[in-house]
C-alpha atoms as a PDB file:
ATOM      1  CA  MET A   1       0.000   0.000   0.000  1.00  0.00           C
ATOM      2  CA  GLU A   2       1.315   3.400  -0.944  1.00  0.00           C
ATOM      3  CA  ASP A   3       2.050   5.814   1.892  1.00  0.00           C
ATOM      4  CA  ASN A   4       0.513   9.114   0.843  1.00  0.00           C
ATOM      5  CA  ARG A   5       0.260  10.638   4.319  1.00  0.00           C
ATOM      6  CA  ASN A   6       0.877  14.369   4.313  1.00  0.00           C
ATOM      7  CA  ILE A   7       0.974  17.237   6.803  1.00  0.00           C
ATOM      8  CA  THR A   8       0.349  20.742   5.498  1.00  0.00           C
ATOM      9  CA  VAL A   9       0.885  23.784   7.727  1.00  0.00           C
ATOM     10  CA  PHE A  10      -0.817  27.146   7.151  1.00  0.00           C
ATOM     11  CA  LEU A  11      -0.229  30.428   8.965  1.00  0.00           C
ATOM     12  CA  ASP A  12      -3.304  32.563   9.640  1.00  0.00           C
ATOM     13  CA  ASP A  13      -5.726  32.689   6.698  1.00  0.00           C
ATOM     14  CA  ASP A  14      -3.085  32.403   3.996  1.00  0.00           C
ATOM     15  CA  PRO A  15      -4.282  29.923   1.309  1.00  0.00           C
ATOM     16  CA  LYS A  16      -0.665  29.158   0.411  1.00  0.00           C
ATOM     17  CA  PRO A  17       0.794  26.541   2.776  1.00  0.00           C
ATOM     18  CA  PHE A  18       3.580  27.557   5.122  1.00  0.00           C
ATOM     19  CA  ALA A  19       5.124  24.083   4.791  1.00  0.00           C
ATOM     20  CA  SER A  20       4.267  20.556   3.660  1.00  0.00           C
ATOM     21  CA  PHE A  21       5.824  17.366   5.041  1.00  0.00           C
ATOM     22  CA  ALA A  22       5.484  13.626   5.312  1.00  0.00           C
ATOM     23  CA  PRO A  23       4.870  12.580   8.942  1.00  0.00           C
ATOM     24  CA  PRO A  24       6.445  12.406  11.442  1.00  0.00           C
ATOM     25  CA  VAL A  25       8.227  15.743  11.285  1.00  0.00           C
ATOM     26  CA  LYS A  26       9.905  18.254  13.562  1.00  0.00           C
ATOM     27  CA  ILE A  27       9.910  21.882  12.458  1.00  0.00           C
ATOM     28  CA  VAL A  28      11.200  25.132  13.919  1.00  0.00           C
ATOM     29  CA  LEU A  29       8.785  28.062  13.741  1.00  0.00           C
ATOM     30  CA  ASP A  30      10.865  31.236  13.375  1.00  0.00           C
ATOM     31  CA  THR A  31       8.666  33.896  14.971  1.00  0.00           C
ATOM     32  CA  THR A  32      11.159  36.653  14.144  1.00  0.00           C
ATOM     33  CA  LYS A  33       9.774  36.610  10.596  1.00  0.00           C
ATOM     34  CA  ILE A  34       6.162  36.925  11.802  1.00  0.00           C
ATOM     35  CA  PRO A  35       4.769  40.314  12.878  1.00  0.00           C
ATOM     36  CA  ASP A  36       3.837  40.753  16.539  1.00  0.00           C
ATOM     37  CA  GLY A  37       0.212  40.036  17.395  1.00  0.00           C
ATOM     38  CA  LYS A  38      -2.335  37.225  17.311  1.00  0.00           C
ATOM     39  CA  HIS A  39      -1.852  34.413  14.809  1.00  0.00           C
ATOM     40  CA  THR A  40      -3.227  30.950  14.085  1.00  0.00           C
ATOM     41  CA  LEU A  41      -1.272  27.909  13.003  1.00  0.00           C
ATOM     42  CA  LYS A  42      -3.531  25.580  10.993  1.00  0.00           C
ATOM     43  CA  ILE A  43      -2.354  22.013  10.518  1.00  0.00           C
ATOM     44  CA  VAL A  44      -4.068  19.790   7.961  1.00  0.00           C
ATOM     45  CA  ALA A  45      -3.083  16.131   8.092  1.00  0.00           C
ATOM     46  CA  LYS A  46      -4.065  13.623   5.428  1.00  0.00           C
ATOM     47  CA  SER A  47      -4.038   9.915   6.237  1.00  0.00           C
ATOM     48  CA  SER A  48      -3.134   7.128   3.865  1.00  0.00           C
ATOM     49  CA  ASN A  49      -6.898   6.702   3.213  1.00  0.00           C
ATOM     50  CA  ASN A  50      -7.103  10.381   2.126  1.00  0.00           C
ATOM     51  CA  VAL A  51      -9.089  11.359   5.234  1.00  0.00           C
ATOM     52  CA  GLU A  52      -8.225  14.848   6.444  1.00  0.00           C
ATOM     53  CA  GLY A  53      -7.877  16.061  10.008  1.00  0.00           C
ATOM     54  CA  VAL A  54      -7.560  19.739  10.907  1.00  0.00           C
ATOM     55  CA  ARG A  55      -6.165  21.375  14.029  1.00  0.00           C
ATOM     56  CA  GLU A  56      -5.896  25.104  14.648  1.00  0.00           C
ATOM     57  CA  ILE A  57      -3.563  26.488  17.305  1.00  0.00           C
ATOM     58  CA  PRO A  58      -3.931  30.175  18.189  1.00  0.00           C
ATOM     59  CA  PHE A  59      -0.811  31.902  19.522  1.00  0.00           C
ATOM     60  CA  ILE A  60       0.550  35.383  20.147  1.00  0.00           C
ATOM     61  CA  VAL A  61       3.915  36.590  18.863  1.00  0.00           C
ATOM     62  CA  ARG A  62       5.754  39.164  20.929  1.00  0.00           C
ATOM     63  CA  ASN A  63       9.291  39.618  19.669  1.00  0.00           C
ATOM     64  CA  GLY A  64       9.386  43.258  20.680  1.00  0.00           C
ATOM     65  CA  PRO A  65       9.956  44.415  24.222  1.00  0.00           C
ATOM     66  CA  GLU A  66       7.381  43.870  26.957  1.00  0.00           C
ATOM     67  CA  ILE A  67       5.751  47.166  27.920  1.00  0.00           C
ATOM     68  CA  SER A  68       4.701  47.623  31.532  1.00  0.00           C
ATOM     69  CA  VAL A  69       2.514  50.524  32.645  1.00  0.00           C
ATOM     70  CA  LEU A  70       1.897  51.308  36.320  1.00  0.00           C
ATOM     71  CA  GLY A  71      -0.667  53.888  37.362  1.00  0.00           C
ATOM     72  CA  LEU A  72      -3.210  53.386  34.587  1.00  0.00           C
ATOM     73  CA  LYS A  73      -5.285  50.280  33.899  1.00  0.00           C
ATOM     74  CA  GLU A  74      -7.284  49.416  30.779  1.00  0.00           C
ATOM     75  CA  ASN A  75     -10.697  51.097  30.641  1.00  0.00           C
ATOM     76  CA  GLU A  76     -10.083  52.876  33.957  1.00  0.00           C
ATOM     77  CA  ILE A  77     -12.057  56.053  34.653  1.00  0.00           C
ATOM     78  CA  VAL A  78      -9.631  58.807  35.635  1.00  0.00           C
ATOM     79  CA  ASP A  79      -9.603  62.491  36.430  1.00  0.00           C
ATOM     80  CA  ALA A  80      -7.046  65.122  37.448  1.00  0.00           C
ATOM     81  CA  GLN A  81      -3.348  64.294  37.146  1.00  0.00           C
ATOM     82  CA  ILE A  82      -2.138  60.703  37.223  1.00  0.00           C
ATOM     83  CA  PRO A  83       1.490  59.650  37.745  1.00  0.00           C
ATOM     84  CA  ILE A  84       2.318  56.862  35.293  1.00  0.00           C
ATOM     85  CA  THR A  85       5.442  54.701  35.196  1.00  0.00           C
ATOM     86  CA  ILE A  86       6.255  53.106  31.835  1.00  0.00           C
ATOM     87  CA  ASN A  87       8.959  50.515  31.328  1.00  0.00           C
ATOM     88  CA  ALA A  88       9.959  48.425  28.316  1.00  0.00           C
ATOM     89  CA  TYR A  89      12.168  45.364  28.616  1.00  0.00           C
ATOM     90  CA  GLY A  90      12.840  42.431  26.383  1.00  0.00           C
ATOM     91  CA  SER A  91      14.917  39.332  26.102  1.00  0.00           C
ATOM     92  CA  GLU A  92      18.141  41.078  25.296  1.00  0.00           C
ATOM     93  CA  THR A  93      21.020  38.741  25.888  1.00  0.00           C
ATOM     94  CA  SER A  94      24.390  39.666  27.238  1.00  0.00           C
ATOM     95  CA  GLU A  95      27.401  37.769  28.414  1.00  0.00           C
ATOM     96  CA  PHE A  96      27.236  39.196  31.927  1.00  0.00           C
ATOM     97  CA  PHE A  97      24.388  38.848  34.380  1.00  0.00           C
ATOM     98  CA  ILE A  98      24.260  41.913  36.588  1.00  0.00           C
ATOM     99  CA  ILE A  99      21.449  42.508  39.047  1.00  0.00           C
ATOM    100  CA  ARG A 100      20.411  46.133  38.699  1.00  0.00           C
ATOM    101  CA  GLY A 101      17.184  46.099  40.693  1.00  0.00           C
ATOM    102  CA  SER A 102      13.621  45.536  39.727  1.00  0.00           C
ATOM    103  CA  GLU A 103      12.742  45.968  36.076  1.00  0.00           C
ATOM    104  CA  THR A 104       9.393  47.465  37.004  1.00  0.00           C
ATOM    105  CA  PRO A 105       9.145  48.992  40.471  1.00  0.00           C
ATOM    106  CA  LYS A 106       5.964  47.972  42.245  1.00  0.00           C
ATOM    107  CA  ALA A 107       4.599  48.633  45.721  1.00  0.00           C
ATOM    108  CA  ILE A 108       4.439  45.838  48.286  1.00  0.00           C
ATOM    109  CA  PRO A 109       0.964  44.271  48.052  1.00  0.00           C
ATOM    110  CA  ALA A 110      -1.524  44.963  50.863  1.00  0.00           C
ATOM    111  CA  TRP A 111      -1.856  41.254  51.711  1.00  0.00           C
ATOM    112  CA  VAL A 112       1.868  41.108  52.540  1.00  0.00           C
ATOM    113  CA  TRP A 113       1.496  44.003  54.977  1.00  0.00           C
ATOM    114  CA  ALA A 114      -1.606  42.383  56.542  1.00  0.00           C
ATOM    115  CA  LEU A 115       0.205  39.061  56.974  1.00  0.00           C
ATOM    116  CA  LEU A 116       3.216  40.802  58.527  1.00  0.00           C
ATOM    117  CA  ILE A 117       0.988  42.655  61.018  1.00  0.00           C
ATOM    118  CA  ILE A 118      -0.838  39.439  61.959  1.00  0.00           C
ATOM    119  CA  VAL A 119       2.432  37.571  62.590  1.00  0.00           C
ATOM    120  CA  PHE A 120       3.835  40.463  64.642  1.00  0.00           C
ATOM    121  CA  ALA A 121       0.587  40.799  66.651  1.00  0.00           C
ATOM    122  CA  PHE A 122       0.516  37.060  67.401  1.00  0.00           C
ATOM    123  CA  GLY A 123       4.131  37.165  68.576  1.00  0.00           C
ATOM    124  CA  LEU A 124       3.413  40.156  70.828  1.00  0.00           C
ATOM    125  CA  TYR A 125       0.280  38.441  72.232  1.00  0.00           C
ATOM    126  CA  TYR A 126       2.245  35.258  72.939  1.00  0.00           C
ATOM    127  CA  LEU A 127       5.027  37.227  74.637  1.00  0.00           C
ATOM    128  CA  ILE A 128       2.599  39.152  76.894  1.00  0.00           C
ATOM    129  CA  MET A 129       0.465  36.125  77.833  1.00  0.00           C
ATOM    130  CA  TYR A 130       3.247  33.669  78.566  1.00  0.00           C
ATOM    131  CA  TRP A 131       6.081  35.860  79.889  1.00  0.00           C
ATOM    132  CA  ASP A 132       7.425  34.502  83.174  1.00  0.00           C
ATOM    133  CA  PRO A 133      10.646  36.040  84.504  1.00  0.00           C
ATOM    134  CA  ASP A 134      11.277  32.951  86.677  1.00  0.00           C
ATOM    135  CA  LEU A 135      11.930  30.900  83.534  1.00  0.00           C
ATOM    136  CA  TYR A 136      14.856  33.121  82.599  1.00  0.00           C
ATOM    137  CA  LYS A 137      16.775  33.167  85.911  1.00  0.00           C
ATOM    138  CA  SER A 138      20.343  32.022  85.719  1.00  0.00           C
ATOM    139  CA  SER A 139      21.135  28.654  87.236  1.00  0.00           C
ATOM    140  CA  PHE A 140      24.608  29.769  88.322  1.00  0.00           C
END
């Protein structure tokens, strides 16, 4: 029996196939040649009985730097003056790894402060309730 299995790969809605192979195959998708944004990889596989199977995989390409904005959220209602911090960082590679601080400075979350206060309050309560100076006398 002739093996006419085939895998055809399409990118987005392009009618021209991105690639065509006989299975099994390993490919490398070079996203540097694809513009940033939402895309769909469509894979059409044909069996030896000429039955087709289709699978679509949506993905997002972001080769450019990540942009972080603090102080303004999407669809937020604002008035007056708003301080905004904007940072852009990417996957630049270098030979040296140097820690220079946080890439995007953020405040400590409120739940961390609440947890810290609870732990401190419990320790203070325990100290006040169970303090006995006789336990700490020297045995010498």
